[in-house]
N, C-alpha and C. Protein backbone atom coordinates (compact mmCIF):
# COMPACT_ATOMS: atom_id res chain seq x y z
N UNK A 1 5.17 9.60 -5.88
CA UNK A 1 4.21 10.64 -5.56
C UNK A 1 3.66 11.21 -6.87
N UNK A 2 2.35 11.22 -7.02
CA UNK A 2 1.75 11.75 -8.26
C UNK A 2 2.02 13.24 -8.43
N UNK A 3 2.08 13.65 -9.69
CA UNK A 3 2.34 15.04 -10.01
C UNK A 3 1.05 15.77 -10.32
N UNK A 4 1.01 17.06 -10.01
CA UNK A 4 -0.13 17.90 -10.38
C UNK A 4 0.04 18.51 -11.76
N UNK A 5 1.18 18.25 -12.40
CA UNK A 5 1.46 18.80 -13.72
C UNK A 5 0.76 17.93 -14.76
N UNK A 6 0.00 18.55 -15.68
CA UNK A 6 -0.70 17.75 -16.69
C UNK A 6 0.26 16.98 -17.59
N UNK A 7 -0.18 15.79 -18.04
CA UNK A 7 0.62 14.99 -18.95
C UNK A 7 0.41 15.52 -20.38
N UNK A 8 1.49 15.63 -21.13
CA UNK A 8 1.44 16.09 -22.52
C UNK A 8 2.06 15.02 -23.40
N UNK A 9 1.49 14.80 -24.56
CA UNK A 9 2.03 13.82 -25.49
C UNK A 9 3.07 14.45 -26.40
N UNK A 10 4.00 13.64 -26.86
CA UNK A 10 5.05 14.13 -27.75
C UNK A 10 5.43 13.00 -28.70
N UNK A 11 5.40 13.26 -29.99
CA UNK A 11 5.78 12.25 -30.98
C UNK A 11 7.21 12.50 -31.44
N UNK A 12 7.99 11.41 -31.50
CA UNK A 12 9.37 11.51 -31.96
C UNK A 12 9.81 10.16 -32.50
N UNK A 13 10.90 10.16 -33.22
CA UNK A 13 11.44 8.90 -33.75
C UNK A 13 11.99 8.05 -32.61
N UNK A 14 12.08 6.75 -32.87
CA UNK A 14 12.66 5.84 -31.87
C UNK A 14 14.09 6.23 -31.53
N UNK A 15 14.85 6.61 -32.55
CA UNK A 15 16.25 6.98 -32.34
C UNK A 15 16.37 8.19 -31.40
N UNK A 16 15.56 9.22 -31.63
CA UNK A 16 15.60 10.40 -30.77
C UNK A 16 15.18 10.04 -29.36
N UNK A 17 14.13 9.24 -29.22
CA UNK A 17 13.66 8.81 -27.91
C UNK A 17 14.75 8.08 -27.14
N UNK A 18 15.42 7.13 -27.79
CA UNK A 18 16.47 6.36 -27.12
C UNK A 18 17.67 7.22 -26.75
N UNK A 19 18.01 8.17 -27.61
CA UNK A 19 19.13 9.08 -27.29
C UNK A 19 18.78 9.96 -26.10
N UNK A 20 17.55 10.46 -26.07
CA UNK A 20 17.12 11.28 -24.94
C UNK A 20 17.11 10.47 -23.64
N UNK A 21 16.67 9.22 -23.72
CA UNK A 21 16.70 8.35 -22.54
C UNK A 21 18.14 8.14 -22.06
N UNK A 22 19.07 7.97 -23.01
CA UNK A 22 20.48 7.76 -22.65
C UNK A 22 21.04 9.01 -21.97
N UNK A 23 20.74 10.17 -22.51
CA UNK A 23 21.20 11.43 -21.90
C UNK A 23 20.62 11.57 -20.50
N UNK A 24 19.34 11.27 -20.35
CA UNK A 24 18.70 11.37 -19.03
C UNK A 24 19.41 10.48 -18.02
N UNK A 25 19.74 9.28 -18.43
CA UNK A 25 20.43 8.35 -17.52
C UNK A 25 21.79 8.91 -17.10
N UNK A 26 22.54 9.45 -18.07
CA UNK A 26 23.85 10.04 -17.78
C UNK A 26 23.71 11.21 -16.81
N UNK A 27 22.65 12.00 -16.97
CA UNK A 27 22.42 13.19 -16.14
C UNK A 27 21.64 12.89 -14.85
N UNK A 28 21.39 11.60 -14.59
CA UNK A 28 20.65 11.18 -13.39
C UNK A 28 19.27 11.84 -13.30
N UNK A 29 18.58 11.88 -14.43
CA UNK A 29 17.22 12.41 -14.48
C UNK A 29 16.33 11.34 -15.11
N UNK A 30 15.04 11.47 -14.86
CA UNK A 30 14.11 10.62 -15.59
C UNK A 30 14.01 11.15 -17.01
N UNK A 31 13.47 10.33 -17.89
CA UNK A 31 13.26 10.77 -19.27
C UNK A 31 12.43 12.05 -19.30
N UNK A 32 11.36 12.08 -18.53
CA UNK A 32 10.48 13.24 -18.51
C UNK A 32 11.20 14.48 -17.96
N UNK A 33 11.92 14.32 -16.86
CA UNK A 33 12.65 15.45 -16.28
C UNK A 33 13.68 16.00 -17.26
N UNK A 34 14.33 15.11 -18.00
CA UNK A 34 15.33 15.56 -18.98
C UNK A 34 14.66 16.34 -20.11
N UNK A 35 13.54 15.83 -20.60
CA UNK A 35 12.82 16.51 -21.68
C UNK A 35 12.36 17.90 -21.23
N UNK A 36 11.83 18.01 -20.04
CA UNK A 36 11.38 19.30 -19.51
C UNK A 36 12.57 20.24 -19.35
N UNK A 37 13.69 19.74 -18.83
CA UNK A 37 14.90 20.54 -18.66
C UNK A 37 15.38 21.11 -19.99
N UNK A 38 15.43 20.26 -21.01
CA UNK A 38 15.88 20.69 -22.33
C UNK A 38 14.94 21.75 -22.90
N UNK A 39 13.65 21.51 -22.78
CA UNK A 39 12.68 22.47 -23.31
C UNK A 39 12.73 23.80 -22.56
N UNK A 40 12.90 23.76 -21.24
CA UNK A 40 13.02 25.00 -20.46
C UNK A 40 14.25 25.79 -20.89
N UNK A 41 15.36 25.11 -21.11
CA UNK A 41 16.58 25.79 -21.57
C UNK A 41 16.36 26.42 -22.93
N UNK A 42 15.71 25.69 -23.84
CA UNK A 42 15.47 26.21 -25.18
C UNK A 42 14.60 27.46 -25.12
N UNK A 43 13.53 27.42 -24.34
CA UNK A 43 12.63 28.58 -24.24
C UNK A 43 13.36 29.77 -23.61
N UNK A 44 14.16 29.53 -22.58
CA UNK A 44 14.91 30.62 -21.95
C UNK A 44 15.87 31.26 -22.95
N UNK A 45 16.58 30.45 -23.73
CA UNK A 45 17.50 30.99 -24.74
C UNK A 45 16.74 31.75 -25.82
N UNK A 46 15.60 31.22 -26.25
CA UNK A 46 14.79 31.89 -27.26
C UNK A 46 14.32 33.25 -26.76
N UNK A 47 13.84 33.28 -25.51
CA UNK A 47 13.36 34.53 -24.94
C UNK A 47 14.49 35.54 -24.75
N UNK A 48 15.68 35.06 -24.46
CA UNK A 48 16.83 35.97 -24.36
C UNK A 48 17.07 36.69 -25.68
N UNK A 49 16.91 35.96 -26.76
CA UNK A 49 17.17 36.53 -28.09
C UNK A 49 15.99 37.34 -28.63
N UNK A 50 14.77 36.92 -28.30
CA UNK A 50 13.59 37.50 -28.95
C UNK A 50 12.63 38.21 -28.01
N UNK A 51 12.89 38.19 -26.73
CA UNK A 51 12.00 38.80 -25.75
C UNK A 51 11.06 37.77 -25.14
N UNK A 52 10.50 38.17 -24.02
CA UNK A 52 9.63 37.29 -23.25
C UNK A 52 8.36 36.98 -24.04
N UNK A 53 7.94 35.74 -23.99
CA UNK A 53 6.71 35.32 -24.64
C UNK A 53 5.60 35.37 -23.59
N UNK A 54 4.62 36.22 -23.81
CA UNK A 54 3.50 36.33 -22.87
C UNK A 54 2.48 35.24 -23.17
N UNK A 55 2.12 34.49 -22.14
CA UNK A 55 1.11 33.44 -22.28
C UNK A 55 0.09 33.56 -21.16
N UNK A 56 -1.08 33.04 -21.38
CA UNK A 56 -2.13 33.02 -20.38
C UNK A 56 -2.59 31.57 -20.22
N UNK A 57 -2.24 30.95 -19.11
CA UNK A 57 -2.58 29.54 -18.91
C UNK A 57 -4.09 29.31 -18.83
N UNK A 58 -4.85 30.35 -18.55
CA UNK A 58 -6.30 30.21 -18.53
C UNK A 58 -6.83 29.78 -19.90
N UNK A 59 -6.11 30.13 -20.98
CA UNK A 59 -6.54 29.74 -22.33
C UNK A 59 -6.61 28.23 -22.51
N UNK A 60 -5.83 27.48 -21.72
CA UNK A 60 -5.84 26.02 -21.83
C UNK A 60 -7.14 25.40 -21.35
N UNK A 61 -7.85 26.10 -20.49
CA UNK A 61 -9.01 25.50 -19.82
C UNK A 61 -10.33 26.13 -20.25
N UNK A 62 -10.37 26.73 -21.44
CA UNK A 62 -11.61 27.31 -21.92
C UNK A 62 -12.21 26.47 -23.01
């Protein structure tokens, strides 16, 4: 089933990519789902320490 979430590019080393794929397999997630999960956790932890980051998604489409 296609997703309504926009595709974003990300550059990384081959080693990091393969390690992330391995972690995703262990966690029964797709590579993309694992990357999103890790990034969501990082942002949540950052906001806990530094406060909520206010963003306006409308800025993406101007």
